[in-house]
Amino acid sequence: DLKLTLARKENIDLKIYDISGKLIKDLHHGNLNPGAHTFSITTNPGTYIAVLKYGRGVVRRKFVVW
């Protein structure tokens, strides 16, 4: 699971890419209210990159699925 917490309502774009840059899953596009949010990720074992775009910038995090 991928978890994120928002301090305020945000318009976000959350996507998962494989290590080669191929889009694997578009998890969310649109507004999210403040608070904790959990997104389920079902994929094959490997290394992935989560990309979160929001009003103030972009956050990228690499993660491994075993």
N, C-alpha and C. Protein backbone atom coordinates (compact mmCIF):
# COMPACT_ATOMS: atom_id res chain seq x y z
N ASP A 1 0.83 -1.20 0.00
CA ASP A 1 0.00 0.00 0.00
C ASP A 1 0.87 1.25 0.00
N LEU A 2 0.35 2.29 -0.60
CA LEU A 2 1.03 3.58 -0.60
C LEU A 2 0.17 4.52 0.24
N LYS A 3 0.77 5.14 1.24
CA LYS A 3 0.02 6.01 2.14
C LYS A 3 0.52 7.44 2.02
N LEU A 4 -0.43 8.39 2.07
CA LEU A 4 -0.04 9.79 2.09
C LEU A 4 -1.02 10.56 2.95
N THR A 5 -0.52 11.62 3.58
CA THR A 5 -1.33 12.47 4.44
C THR A 5 -1.27 13.89 3.93
N LEU A 6 -2.44 14.50 3.78
CA LEU A 6 -2.54 15.87 3.29
C LEU A 6 -2.98 16.79 4.41
N ALA A 7 -2.35 17.95 4.50
CA ALA A 7 -2.72 18.94 5.50
C ALA A 7 -3.94 19.75 5.07
N ARG A 8 -4.15 19.82 3.74
CA ARG A 8 -5.30 20.58 3.22
C ARG A 8 -5.76 19.91 1.92
N LYS A 9 -6.91 20.34 1.45
CA LYS A 9 -7.44 19.81 0.19
C LYS A 9 -6.46 20.12 -0.93
N GLU A 10 -6.13 19.11 -1.72
CA GLU A 10 -5.16 19.26 -2.82
C GLU A 10 -5.68 18.58 -4.08
N ASN A 11 -5.35 19.16 -5.21
CA ASN A 11 -5.57 18.53 -6.51
C ASN A 11 -4.28 17.77 -6.82
N ILE A 12 -4.36 16.45 -6.88
CA ILE A 12 -3.14 15.66 -7.05
C ILE A 12 -3.22 14.76 -8.28
N ASP A 13 -2.05 14.33 -8.70
CA ASP A 13 -1.90 13.34 -9.76
C ASP A 13 -0.89 12.33 -9.21
N LEU A 14 -1.31 11.09 -9.00
CA LEU A 14 -0.46 10.07 -8.39
C LEU A 14 -0.34 8.89 -9.34
N LYS A 15 0.89 8.62 -9.79
CA LYS A 15 1.14 7.55 -10.75
C LYS A 15 2.30 6.68 -10.30
N ILE A 16 2.29 5.44 -10.77
CA ILE A 16 3.37 4.49 -10.50
C ILE A 16 4.03 4.12 -11.83
N TYR A 17 5.36 4.19 -11.86
CA TYR A 17 6.15 3.84 -13.04
C TYR A 17 7.11 2.72 -12.67
N ASP A 18 7.46 1.90 -13.67
CA ASP A 18 8.52 0.93 -13.42
C ASP A 18 9.86 1.64 -13.57
N ILE A 19 10.93 0.94 -13.30
CA ILE A 19 12.26 1.55 -13.26
C ILE A 19 12.69 2.05 -14.65
N SER A 20 12.09 1.52 -15.72
CA SER A 20 12.42 1.97 -17.08
C SER A 20 11.62 3.20 -17.49
N GLY A 21 10.65 3.61 -16.65
CA GLY A 21 9.85 4.79 -16.95
C GLY A 21 8.48 4.49 -17.53
N LYS A 22 8.14 3.23 -17.67
CA LYS A 22 6.83 2.84 -18.21
C LYS A 22 5.75 3.03 -17.14
N LEU A 23 4.65 3.68 -17.53
CA LEU A 23 3.52 3.87 -16.62
C LEU A 23 2.90 2.52 -16.29
N ILE A 24 2.82 2.21 -15.00
CA ILE A 24 2.24 0.96 -14.54
C ILE A 24 0.80 1.16 -14.07
N LYS A 25 0.57 2.24 -13.33
CA LYS A 25 -0.77 2.47 -12.79
C LYS A 25 -0.99 3.94 -12.51
N ASP A 26 -2.15 4.44 -12.90
CA ASP A 26 -2.59 5.79 -12.58
C ASP A 26 -3.49 5.65 -11.35
N LEU A 27 -2.96 5.98 -10.18
CA LEU A 27 -3.68 5.73 -8.93
C LEU A 27 -4.76 6.76 -8.62
N HIS A 28 -4.50 8.02 -8.93
CA HIS A 28 -5.49 9.06 -8.61
C HIS A 28 -5.19 10.33 -9.41
N HIS A 29 -6.27 10.95 -9.87
CA HIS A 29 -6.16 12.26 -10.52
C HIS A 29 -7.38 13.06 -10.08
N GLY A 30 -7.14 14.14 -9.34
CA GLY A 30 -8.24 14.97 -8.87
C GLY A 30 -8.03 15.42 -7.44
N ASN A 31 -9.09 15.93 -6.85
CA ASN A 31 -9.01 16.48 -5.51
C ASN A 31 -9.06 15.39 -4.44
N LEU A 32 -8.29 15.63 -3.38
CA LEU A 32 -8.34 14.80 -2.17
C LEU A 32 -8.50 15.72 -0.98
N ASN A 33 -9.34 15.32 -0.04
CA ASN A 33 -9.55 16.10 1.17
C ASN A 33 -8.38 15.92 2.14
N PRO A 34 -8.27 16.81 3.13
CA PRO A 34 -7.21 16.66 4.13
C PRO A 34 -7.35 15.34 4.88
N GLY A 35 -6.21 14.83 5.35
CA GLY A 35 -6.22 13.60 6.12
C GLY A 35 -5.38 12.52 5.49
N ALA A 36 -5.51 11.31 6.03
CA ALA A 36 -4.72 10.16 5.58
C ALA A 36 -5.44 9.44 4.45
N HIS A 37 -4.68 9.02 3.46
CA HIS A 37 -5.21 8.29 2.31
C HIS A 37 -4.31 7.09 2.03
N THR A 38 -4.92 5.96 1.69
CA THR A 38 -4.18 4.74 1.37
C THR A 38 -4.59 4.27 -0.01
N PHE A 39 -3.59 3.96 -0.83
CA PHE A 39 -3.82 3.47 -2.19
C PHE A 39 -3.22 2.07 -2.29
N SER A 40 -4.03 1.14 -2.75
CA SER A 40 -3.59 -0.24 -2.89
C SER A 40 -2.82 -0.40 -4.20
N ILE A 41 -1.66 -1.04 -4.12
CA ILE A 41 -0.83 -1.28 -5.30
C ILE A 41 -0.66 -2.78 -5.46
N THR A 42 -1.20 -3.32 -6.54
CA THR A 42 -1.04 -4.74 -6.85
C THR A 42 -0.22 -4.83 -8.12
N THR A 43 1.00 -5.32 -8.00
CA THR A 43 1.89 -5.42 -9.16
C THR A 43 2.90 -6.53 -8.93
N ASN A 44 3.64 -6.84 -9.95
CA ASN A 44 4.67 -7.87 -9.86
C ASN A 44 5.86 -7.39 -9.03
N PRO A 45 6.64 -8.31 -8.48
CA PRO A 45 7.85 -7.90 -7.77
C PRO A 45 8.77 -7.08 -8.68
N GLY A 46 9.39 -6.07 -8.09
CA GLY A 46 10.31 -5.22 -8.85
C GLY A 46 10.49 -3.88 -8.18
N THR A 47 11.22 -3.00 -8.84
CA THR A 47 11.48 -1.64 -8.36
C THR A 47 10.60 -0.67 -9.12
N TYR A 48 9.96 0.22 -8.38
CA TYR A 48 9.00 1.16 -8.97
C TYR A 48 9.25 2.57 -8.43
N ILE A 49 8.65 3.53 -9.11
CA ILE A 49 8.75 4.92 -8.68
C ILE A 49 7.33 5.49 -8.59
N ALA A 50 6.99 6.02 -7.42
CA ALA A 50 5.72 6.72 -7.24
C ALA A 50 5.97 8.20 -7.51
N VAL A 51 5.12 8.81 -8.33
CA VAL A 51 5.25 10.23 -8.64
C VAL A 51 3.96 10.93 -8.23
N LEU A 52 4.09 11.86 -7.29
CA LEU A 52 2.96 12.64 -6.79
C LEU A 52 3.15 14.09 -7.25
N LYS A 53 2.23 14.56 -8.10
CA LYS A 53 2.23 15.96 -8.52
C LYS A 53 1.09 16.65 -7.79
N TYR A 54 1.39 17.81 -7.22
CA TYR A 54 0.38 18.56 -6.49
C TYR A 54 0.66 20.04 -6.65
N GLY A 55 -0.16 20.89 -6.04
CA GLY A 55 -0.08 22.33 -6.24
C GLY A 55 1.27 22.96 -6.01
N ARG A 56 2.07 22.41 -5.11
CA ARG A 56 3.36 23.03 -4.77
C ARG A 56 4.56 22.30 -5.34
N GLY A 57 4.35 21.28 -6.13
CA GLY A 57 5.52 20.61 -6.70
C GLY A 57 5.29 19.16 -7.04
N VAL A 58 6.42 18.44 -7.08
CA VAL A 58 6.43 17.03 -7.44
C VAL A 58 7.28 16.27 -6.42
N VAL A 59 6.78 15.12 -5.98
CA VAL A 59 7.53 14.24 -5.07
C VAL A 59 7.68 12.89 -5.76
N ARG A 60 8.91 12.39 -5.79
CA ARG A 60 9.20 11.08 -6.37
C ARG A 60 9.80 10.19 -5.29
N ARG A 61 9.30 8.95 -5.20
CA ARG A 61 9.83 8.00 -4.23
C ARG A 61 9.99 6.64 -4.90
N LYS A 62 11.16 6.06 -4.74
CA LYS A 62 11.42 4.72 -5.26
C LYS A 62 11.02 3.71 -4.18
N PHE A 63 10.43 2.59 -4.62
CA PHE A 63 10.07 1.53 -3.67
C PHE A 63 10.21 0.17 -4.35
N VAL A 64 10.32 -0.85 -3.54
CA VAL A 64 10.52 -2.21 -4.03
C VAL A 64 9.34 -3.07 -3.59
N VAL A 65 8.82 -3.87 -4.51
CA VAL A 65 7.78 -4.86 -4.21
C VAL A 65 8.44 -6.22 -4.22
N TRP A 66 8.29 -6.98 -3.12
CA TRP A 66 8.93 -8.30 -3.00
C TRP A 66 7.99 -9.37 -3.43
